PDB file of all heavy atoms in Angstrom:
ATOM      1  N   ASP A   1      97.491  97.140 100.651  1.00  0.00           N
ATOM      2  CA  ASP A   1      98.674  97.962 100.429  1.00  0.00           C
ATOM      3  C   ASP A   1      98.270  99.431 100.572  1.00  0.00           C
ATOM      4  O   ASP A   1      97.479  99.947  99.828  1.00  0.00           O
ATOM      5  CB  ASP A   1      99.205  97.700  99.033  1.00  0.00           C
ATOM      6  CG  ASP A   1     100.414  98.539  98.661  1.00  0.00           C
ATOM      7  OD1 ASP A   1     100.939  99.251  99.554  1.00  0.00           O
ATOM      8  OD2 ASP A   1     100.851  98.472  97.507  1.00  0.00           O
ATOM      9  N   TRP A   2      98.881 100.102 101.537  1.00  0.00           N
ATOM     10  CA  TRP A   2      98.508 101.506 101.789  1.00  0.00           C
ATOM     11  C   TRP A   2      98.965 102.451 100.657  1.00  0.00           C
ATOM     12  O   TRP A   2      98.459 103.555 100.551  1.00  0.00           O
ATOM     13  CB  TRP A   2      99.064 101.947 103.130  1.00  0.00           C
ATOM     14  CG  TRP A   2     100.562 102.041 103.192  1.00  0.00           C
ATOM     15  CD1 TRP A   2     101.420 101.023 103.484  1.00  0.00           C
ATOM     16  CD2 TRP A   2     101.390 103.186 102.926  1.00  0.00           C
ATOM     17  NE1 TRP A   2     102.712 101.429 103.423  1.00  0.00           N
ATOM     18  CE2 TRP A   2     102.724 102.755 103.080  1.00  0.00           C
ATOM     19  CE3 TRP A   2     101.139 104.509 102.576  1.00  0.00           C
ATOM     20  CZ2 TRP A   2     103.798 103.624 102.893  1.00  0.00           C
ATOM     21  CZ3 TRP A   2     102.214 105.352 102.391  1.00  0.00           C
ATOM     22  CH2 TRP A   2     103.523 104.920 102.540  1.00  0.00           C
ATOM     23  N   GLU A   3      99.886 101.979  99.822  1.00  0.00           N
ATOM     24  CA  GLU A   3     100.330 102.831  98.722  1.00  0.00           C
ATOM     25  C   GLU A   3      99.535 102.615  97.413  1.00  0.00           C
ATOM     26  O   GLU A   3      99.808 103.309  96.420  1.00  0.00           O
ATOM     27  CB  GLU A   3     101.818 102.565  98.448  1.00  0.00           C
ATOM     28  CG  GLU A   3     102.712 102.981  99.593  1.00  0.00           C
ATOM     29  CD  GLU A   3     104.171 102.697  99.336  1.00  0.00           C
ATOM     30  OE1 GLU A   3     104.484 101.572  98.919  1.00  0.00           O
ATOM     31  OE2 GLU A   3     104.994 103.604  99.508  1.00  0.00           O
ATOM     32  N   ALA A   4      98.634 101.672  97.404  1.00  0.00           N
ATOM     33  CA  ALA A   4      97.856 101.393  96.183  1.00  0.00           C
ATOM     34  C   ALA A   4      96.991 102.589  95.818  1.00  0.00           C
ATOM     35  O   ALA A   4      96.592 103.374  96.662  1.00  0.00           O
ATOM     36  CB  ALA A   4      97.028 100.155  96.390  1.00  0.00           C
ATOM     37  N   GLU A   5      96.696 102.665  94.562  1.00  0.00           N
ATOM     38  CA  GLU A   5      95.871 103.777  94.055  1.00  0.00           C
ATOM     39  C   GLU A   5      94.471 103.758  94.671  1.00  0.00           C
ATOM     40  O   GLU A   5      93.908 104.807  94.956  1.00  0.00           O
ATOM     41  CB  GLU A   5      95.753 103.640  92.525  1.00  0.00           C
ATOM     42  CG  GLU A   5      95.440 104.951  91.840  1.00  0.00           C
ATOM     43  CD  GLU A   5      95.602 104.811  90.334  1.00  0.00           C
ATOM     44  OE1 GLU A   5      96.744 104.630  89.882  1.00  0.00           O
ATOM     45  OE2 GLU A   5      94.552 104.893  89.649  1.00  0.00           O
ATOM     46  N   ASP A   6      93.944 102.561  94.932  1.00  0.00           N
ATOM     47  CA  ASP A   6      92.605 102.439  95.512  1.00  0.00           C
ATOM     48  C   ASP A   6      92.656 102.100  96.986  1.00  0.00           C
ATOM     49  O   ASP A   6      91.774 101.450  97.532  1.00  0.00           O
ATOM     50  CB  ASP A   6      91.807 101.411  94.739  1.00  0.00           C
ATOM     51  CG  ASP A   6      92.431 100.027  94.785  1.00  0.00           C
ATOM     52  OD1 ASP A   6      93.622  99.906  95.183  1.00  0.00           O
ATOM     53  OD2 ASP A   6      91.743  99.045  94.428  1.00  0.00           O
ATOM     54  N   ALA A   7      93.699 102.591  97.685  1.00  0.00           N
ATOM     55  CA  ALA A   7      93.915 102.246  99.112  1.00  0.00           C
ATOM     56  C   ALA A   7      92.750 102.613 100.002  1.00  0.00           C
ATOM     57  O   ALA A   7      92.356 101.828 100.881  1.00  0.00           O
ATOM     58  CB  ALA A   7      95.206 102.892  99.610  1.00  0.00           C
ATOM     59  N   ALA A   8      92.149 103.785  99.803  1.00  0.00           N
ATOM     60  CA  ALA A   8      91.018 104.191 100.655  1.00  0.00           C
ATOM     61  C   ALA A   8      89.879 103.220 100.558  1.00  0.00           C
ATOM     62  O   ALA A   8      89.303 102.831 101.580  1.00  0.00           O
ATOM     63  CB  ALA A   8      90.578 105.620 100.286  1.00  0.00           C
ATOM     64  N   GLU A   9      89.529 102.824  99.351  1.00  0.00           N
ATOM     65  CA  GLU A   9      88.430 101.851  99.160  1.00  0.00           C
ATOM     66  C   GLU A   9      88.770 100.534  99.763  1.00  0.00           C
ATOM     67  O   GLU A   9      87.955  99.886 100.411  1.00  0.00           O
ATOM     68  CB  GLU A   9      88.150 101.718  97.669  1.00  0.00           C
ATOM     69  CG  GLU A   9      87.058 100.694  97.346  1.00  0.00           C
ATOM     70  CD  GLU A   9      86.862 100.509  95.871  1.00  0.00           C
ATOM     71  OE1 GLU A   9      87.167 101.387  95.065  1.00  0.00           O
ATOM     72  OE2 GLU A   9      86.383  99.417  95.501  1.00  0.00           O
ATOM     73  N   LYS A  10      89.986 100.055  99.534  1.00  0.00           N
ATOM     74  CA  LYS A  10      90.432  98.740 100.061  1.00  0.00           C
ATOM     75  C   LYS A  10      90.465  98.736 101.601  1.00  0.00           C
ATOM     76  O   LYS A  10      90.069  97.773 102.198  1.00  0.00           O
ATOM     77  CB  LYS A  10      91.806  98.381  99.512  1.00  0.00           C
ATOM     78  CG  LYS A  10      91.808  98.105  98.029  1.00  0.00           C
ATOM     79  CD  LYS A  10      90.977  96.905  97.705  1.00  0.00           C
ATOM     80  CE  LYS A  10      91.039  96.583  96.237  1.00  0.00           C
ATOM     81  NZ  LYS A  10      90.090  95.594  95.822  1.00  0.00           N
ATOM     82  N   PHE A  11      90.903  99.850 102.226  1.00  0.00           N
ATOM     83  CA  PHE A  11      90.902  99.890 103.695  1.00  0.00           C
ATOM     84  C   PHE A  11      89.508 100.005 104.268  1.00  0.00           C
ATOM     85  O   PHE A  11      89.247  99.504 105.347  1.00  0.00           O
ATOM     86  CB  PHE A  11      91.808 101.022 104.191  1.00  0.00           C
ATOM     87  CG  PHE A  11      93.236 100.593 104.397  1.00  0.00           C
ATOM     88  CD1 PHE A  11      94.192 100.824 103.432  1.00  0.00           C
ATOM     89  CD2 PHE A  11      93.605  99.907 105.550  1.00  0.00           C
ATOM     90  CE1 PHE A  11      95.492 100.378 103.599  1.00  0.00           C
ATOM     91  CE2 PHE A  11      94.882  99.476 105.725  1.00  0.00           C
ATOM     92  CZ  PHE A  11      95.842  99.698 104.738  1.00  0.00           C
ATOM     93  N   HIS A  12      88.587 100.670 103.546  1.00  0.00           N
ATOM     94  CA  HIS A  12      87.172 100.680 103.963  1.00  0.00           C
ATOM     95  C   HIS A  12      86.641  99.257 103.992  1.00  0.00           C
ATOM     96  O   HIS A  12      86.014  98.846 104.980  1.00  0.00           O
ATOM     97  CB  HIS A  12      86.347 101.544 103.042  1.00  0.00           C
ATOM     98  CG  HIS A  12      84.892 101.452 103.317  1.00  0.00           C
ATOM     99  ND1 HIS A  12      84.306 102.100 104.377  1.00  0.00           N
ATOM    100  CD2 HIS A  12      83.898 100.737 102.724  1.00  0.00           C
ATOM    101  CE1 HIS A  12      83.016 101.812 104.422  1.00  0.00           C
ATOM    102  NE2 HIS A  12      82.756 100.962 103.400  1.00  0.00           N
ATOM    103  N   GLU A  13      86.871  98.492 102.903  1.00  0.00           N
ATOM    104  CA  GLU A  13      86.443  97.114 102.846  1.00  0.00           C
ATOM    105  C   GLU A  13      87.109  96.280 103.959  1.00  0.00           C
ATOM    106  O   GLU A  13      86.450  95.466 104.600  1.00  0.00           O
ATOM    107  CB  GLU A  13      86.749  96.497 101.480  1.00  0.00           C
ATOM    108  CG  GLU A  13      85.944  97.086 100.355  1.00  0.00           C
ATOM    109  CD  GLU A  13      86.422  96.625  98.983  1.00  0.00           C
ATOM    110  OE1 GLU A  13      87.302  95.747  98.884  1.00  0.00           O
ATOM    111  OE2 GLU A  13      85.865  97.153  97.994  1.00  0.00           O
ATOM    112  N   TYR A  14      88.386  96.492 104.137  1.00  0.00           N
ATOM    113  CA  TYR A  14      89.148  95.751 105.152  1.00  0.00           C
ATOM    114  C   TYR A  14      88.634  95.989 106.560  1.00  0.00           C
ATOM    115  O   TYR A  14      88.507  95.067 107.343  1.00  0.00           O
ATOM    116  CB  TYR A  14      90.627  96.199 105.044  1.00  0.00           C
ATOM    117  CG  TYR A  14      91.562  95.604 106.072  1.00  0.00           C
ATOM    118  CD1 TYR A  14      92.068  94.330 105.914  1.00  0.00           C
ATOM    119  CD2 TYR A  14      91.970  96.358 107.187  1.00  0.00           C
ATOM    120  CE1 TYR A  14      92.954  93.798 106.870  1.00  0.00           C
ATOM    121  CE2 TYR A  14      92.816  95.829 108.121  1.00  0.00           C
ATOM    122  CZ  TYR A  14      93.320  94.536 107.949  1.00  0.00           C
ATOM    123  OH  TYR A  14      94.178  94.033 108.864  1.00  0.00           O
ATOM    124  N   GLY A  15      88.264  97.232 106.827  1.00  0.00           N
ATOM    125  CA  GLY A  15      87.842  97.590 108.196  1.00  0.00           C
ATOM    126  C   GLY A  15      86.351  97.336 108.481  1.00  0.00           C
ATOM    127  O   GLY A  15      85.977  97.122 109.634  1.00  0.00           O
ATOM    128  N   TYR A  16      85.508  97.370 107.447  1.00  0.00           N
ATOM    129  CA  TYR A  16      84.077  97.383 107.721  1.00  0.00           C
ATOM    130  C   TYR A  16      83.262  96.278 107.038  1.00  0.00           C
ATOM    131  O   TYR A  16      82.179  95.958 107.496  1.00  0.00           O
ATOM    132  CB  TYR A  16      83.477  98.716 107.293  1.00  0.00           C
ATOM    133  CG  TYR A  16      84.001  99.860 108.131  1.00  0.00           C
ATOM    134  CD1 TYR A  16      84.954 100.738 107.578  1.00  0.00           C
ATOM    135  CD2 TYR A  16      83.602 100.068 109.427  1.00  0.00           C
ATOM    136  CE1 TYR A  16      85.460 101.767 108.327  1.00  0.00           C
ATOM    137  CE2 TYR A  16      84.094 101.102 110.183  1.00  0.00           C
ATOM    138  CZ  TYR A  16      85.038 101.977 109.631  1.00  0.00           C
ATOM    139  OH  TYR A  16      85.525 102.962 110.386  1.00  0.00           O
ATOM    140  N   ILE A  17      83.745  95.719 105.944  1.00  0.00           N
ATOM    141  CA  ILE A  17      82.941  94.776 105.170  1.00  0.00           C
ATOM    142  C   ILE A  17      83.303  93.356 105.584  1.00  0.00           C
ATOM    143  O   ILE A  17      84.460  92.940 105.479  1.00  0.00           O
ATOM    144  CB  ILE A  17      83.139  94.946 103.662  1.00  0.00           C
ATOM    145  CG1 ILE A  17      82.869  96.408 103.244  1.00  0.00           C
ATOM    146  CG2 ILE A  17      82.241  93.971 102.891  1.00  0.00           C
ATOM    147  CD1 ILE A  17      81.485  96.918 103.541  1.00  0.00           C
ATOM    148  N   ARG A  18      82.325  92.573 106.083  1.00  0.00           N
ATOM    149  CA  ARG A  18      82.549  91.219 106.508  1.00  0.00           C
ATOM    150  C   ARG A  18      81.410  90.323 105.987  1.00  0.00           C
ATOM    151  O   ARG A  18      80.264  90.758 105.898  1.00  0.00           O
ATOM    152  CB  ARG A  18      82.541  91.102 108.037  1.00  0.00           C
ATOM    153  CG  ARG A  18      83.624  91.839 108.737  1.00  0.00           C
ATOM    154  CD  ARG A  18      84.970  91.130 108.623  1.00  0.00           C
ATOM    155  NE  ARG A  18      85.987  91.842 109.305  1.00  0.00           N
ATOM    156  CZ  ARG A  18      86.711  92.852 108.832  1.00  0.00           C
ATOM    157  NH1 ARG A  18      86.487  93.271 107.614  1.00  0.00           N
ATOM    158  NH2 ARG A  18      87.637  93.452 109.544  1.00  0.00           N
ATOM    159  N   ASP A  19      81.786  89.087 105.667  1.00  0.00           N
ATOM    160  CA  ASP A  19      80.768  88.115 105.349  1.00  0.00           C
ATOM    161  C   ASP A  19      80.244  87.525 106.642  1.00  0.00           C
ATOM    162  O   ASP A  19      81.008  87.309 107.578  1.00  0.00           O
ATOM    163  CB  ASP A  19      81.374  86.983 104.487  1.00  0.00           C
ATOM    164  CG  ASP A  19      81.739  87.452 103.086  1.00  0.00           C
ATOM    165  OD1 ASP A  19      81.104  88.373 102.596  1.00  0.00           O
ATOM    166  OD2 ASP A  19      82.687  86.886 102.510  1.00  0.00           O
ATOM    167  N   ASN A  20      78.956  87.295 106.737  1.00  0.00           N
ATOM    168  CA  ASN A  20      78.380  86.665 107.914  1.00  0.00           C
ATOM    169  C   ASN A  20      78.041  85.199 107.524  1.00  0.00           C
ATOM    170  O   ASN A  20      76.958  84.847 107.150  1.00  0.00           O
ATOM    171  CB  ASN A  20      77.102  87.416 108.302  1.00  0.00           C
ATOM    172  CG  ASN A  20      76.545  86.935 109.610  1.00  0.00           C
ATOM    173  OD1 ASN A  20      77.196  86.211 110.366  1.00  0.00           O
ATOM    174  ND2 ASN A  20      75.332  87.332 109.933  1.00  0.00           N
ATOM    175  N   ILE A  21      79.051  84.383 107.644  1.00  0.00           N
ATOM    176  CA  ILE A  21      79.011  82.996 107.167  1.00  0.00           C
ATOM    177  C   ILE A  21      78.312  82.100 108.194  1.00  0.00           C
ATOM    178  O   ILE A  21      78.617  82.127 109.370  1.00  0.00           O
ATOM    179  CB  ILE A  21      80.426  82.485 106.916  1.00  0.00           C
ATOM    180  CG1 ILE A  21      81.075  83.284 105.781  1.00  0.00           C
ATOM    181  CG2 ILE A  21      80.422  81.006 106.588  1.00  0.00           C
ATOM    182  CD1 ILE A  21      82.537  83.000 105.574  1.00  0.00           C
ATOM    183  N   ALA A  22      77.387  81.294 107.686  1.00  0.00           N
ATOM    184  CA  ALA A  22      76.774  80.265 108.508  1.00  0.00           C
ATOM    185  C   ALA A  22      77.376  78.946 108.030  1.00  0.00           C
ATOM    186  O   ALA A  22      76.968  78.337 107.056  1.00  0.00           O
ATOM    187  CB  ALA A  22      75.273  80.201 108.353  1.00  0.00           C
ATOM    188  N   GLY A  23      78.470  78.548 108.717  1.00  0.00           N
ATOM    189  CA  GLY A  23      79.205  77.332 108.315  1.00  0.00           C
ATOM    190  C   GLY A  23      80.660  77.480 108.635  1.00  0.00           C
ATOM    191  O   GLY A  23      81.032  78.241 109.527  1.00  0.00           O
ATOM    192  N   SER A  24      81.510  76.761 107.923  1.00  0.00           N
ATOM    193  CA  SER A  24      82.938  76.763 108.194  1.00  0.00           C
ATOM    194  C   SER A  24      83.583  78.100 107.865  1.00  0.00           C
ATOM    195  O   SER A  24      83.376  78.649 106.758  1.00  0.00           O
ATOM    196  CB  SER A  24      83.607  75.640 107.394  1.00  0.00           C
ATOM    197  OG  SER A  24      84.954  75.587 107.688  1.00  0.00           O
ATOM    198  N   MET A  25      84.345  78.612 108.813  1.00  0.00           N
ATOM    199  CA  MET A  25      84.974  79.931 108.657  1.00  0.00           C
ATOM    200  C   MET A  25      86.335  79.949 109.357  1.00  0.00           C
ATOM    201  O   MET A  25      86.480  79.341 110.433  1.00  0.00           O
ATOM    202  CB  MET A  25      84.058  80.978 109.264  1.00  0.00           C
ATOM    203  CG  MET A  25      84.565  82.363 109.215  1.00  0.00           C
ATOM    204  SD  MET A  25      83.275  83.507 109.848  1.00  0.00           S
ATOM    205  CE  MET A  25      84.192  85.005 109.796  1.00  0.00           C
ATOM    206  N   GLN A  26      87.293  80.632 108.761  1.00  0.00           N
ATOM    207  CA  GLN A  26      88.575  80.837 109.429  1.00  0.00           C
ATOM    208  C   GLN A  26      88.490  82.094 110.288  1.00  0.00           C
ATOM    209  O   GLN A  26      88.112  83.157 109.754  1.00  0.00           O
ATOM    210  CB  GLN A  26      89.721  80.921 108.419  1.00  0.00           C
ATOM    211  CG  GLN A  26      90.094  79.603 107.836  1.00  0.00           C
ATOM    212  CD  GLN A  26      91.368  79.712 107.009  1.00  0.00           C
ATOM    213  OE1 GLN A  26      91.544  80.651 106.235  1.00  0.00           O
ATOM    214  NE2 GLN A  26      92.264  78.743 107.189  1.00  0.00           N
ATOM    215  N   GLU A  27      88.907  81.998 111.554  1.00  0.00           N
ATOM    216  CA  GLU A  27      88.805  83.130 112.468  1.00  0.00           C
ATOM    217  C   GLU A  27      90.155  83.348 113.159  1.00  0.00           C
ATOM    218  O   GLU A  27      90.923  82.427 113.358  1.00  0.00           O
ATOM    219  CB  GLU A  27      87.748  82.837 113.566  1.00  0.00           C
ATOM    220  CG  GLU A  27      86.418  82.496 112.985  1.00  0.00           C
ATOM    221  CD  GLU A  27      85.474  81.942 114.044  1.00  0.00           C
ATOM    222  OE1 GLU A  27      85.915  81.275 114.990  1.00  0.00           O
ATOM    223  OE2 GLU A  27      84.278  82.188 113.910  1.00  0.00           O
ATOM    224  N   LEU A  28      90.386  84.600 113.579  1.00  0.00           N
ATOM    225  CA  LEU A  28      91.551  84.927 114.370  1.00  0.00           C
ATOM    226  C   LEU A  28      91.226  84.885 115.852  1.00  0.00           C
ATOM    227  O   LEU A  28      90.220  85.492 116.297  1.00  0.00           O
ATOM    228  CB  LEU A  28      92.065  86.339 114.008  1.00  0.00           C
ATOM    229  CG  LEU A  28      92.809  86.467 112.683  1.00  0.00           C
ATOM    230  CD1 LEU A  28      93.040  87.947 112.386  1.00  0.00           C
ATOM    231  CD2 LEU A  28      94.114  85.737 112.758  1.00  0.00           C
ATOM    232  N   TRP A  29      92.054  84.207 116.625  1.00  0.00           N
ATOM    233  CA  TRP A  29      91.928  84.125 118.048  1.00  0.00           C
ATOM    234  C   TRP A  29      93.272  84.473 118.688  1.00  0.00           C
ATOM    235  O   TRP A  29      94.320  83.998 118.226  1.00  0.00           O
ATOM    236  CB  TRP A  29      91.508  82.716 118.493  1.00  0.00           C
ATOM    237  CG  TRP A  29      90.083  82.373 118.146  1.00  0.00           C
ATOM    238  CD1 TRP A  29      89.595  82.089 116.906  1.00  0.00           C
ATOM    239  CD2 TRP A  29      88.987  82.269 119.037  1.00  0.00           C
ATOM    240  NE1 TRP A  29      88.264  81.802 116.982  1.00  0.00           N
ATOM    241  CE2 TRP A  29      87.860  81.904 118.286  1.00  0.00           C
ATOM    242  CE3 TRP A  29      88.840  82.443 120.431  1.00  0.00           C
ATOM    243  CZ2 TRP A  29      86.623  81.745 118.855  1.00  0.00           C
ATOM    244  CZ3 TRP A  29      87.603  82.230 120.977  1.00  0.00           C
ATOM    245  CH2 TRP A  29      86.476  81.900 120.194  1.00  0.00           C
ATOM    246  N   TYR A  30      93.269  85.277 119.747  1.00  0.00           N
ATOM    247  CA  TYR A  30      94.492  85.711 120.442  1.00  0.00           C
ATOM    248  C   TYR A  30      94.572  85.004 121.802  1.00  0.00           C
ATOM    249  O   TYR A  30      93.601  85.096 122.581  1.00  0.00           O
ATOM    250  CB  TYR A  30      94.488  87.235 120.593  1.00  0.00           C
ATOM    251  CG  TYR A  30      95.665  87.773 121.337  1.00  0.00           C
ATOM    252  CD1 TYR A  30      96.926  87.679 120.839  1.00  0.00           C
ATOM    253  CD2 TYR A  30      95.471  88.396 122.594  1.00  0.00           C
ATOM    254  CE1 TYR A  30      98.011  88.194 121.556  1.00  0.00           C
ATOM    255  CE2 TYR A  30      96.517  88.907 123.287  1.00  0.00           C
ATOM    256  CZ  TYR A  30      97.824  88.819 122.770  1.00  0.00           C
ATOM    257  OH  TYR A  30      98.878  89.313 123.457  1.00  0.00           O
TER     258      TYR A  30
END
């Protein structure tokens, strides 16, 4: 939510922080 009080932190996590899973993972494909 861009209006949330912690929006900057949440968007940083959204854009840059990823788990590197070795196993079953849900992925986006276009």
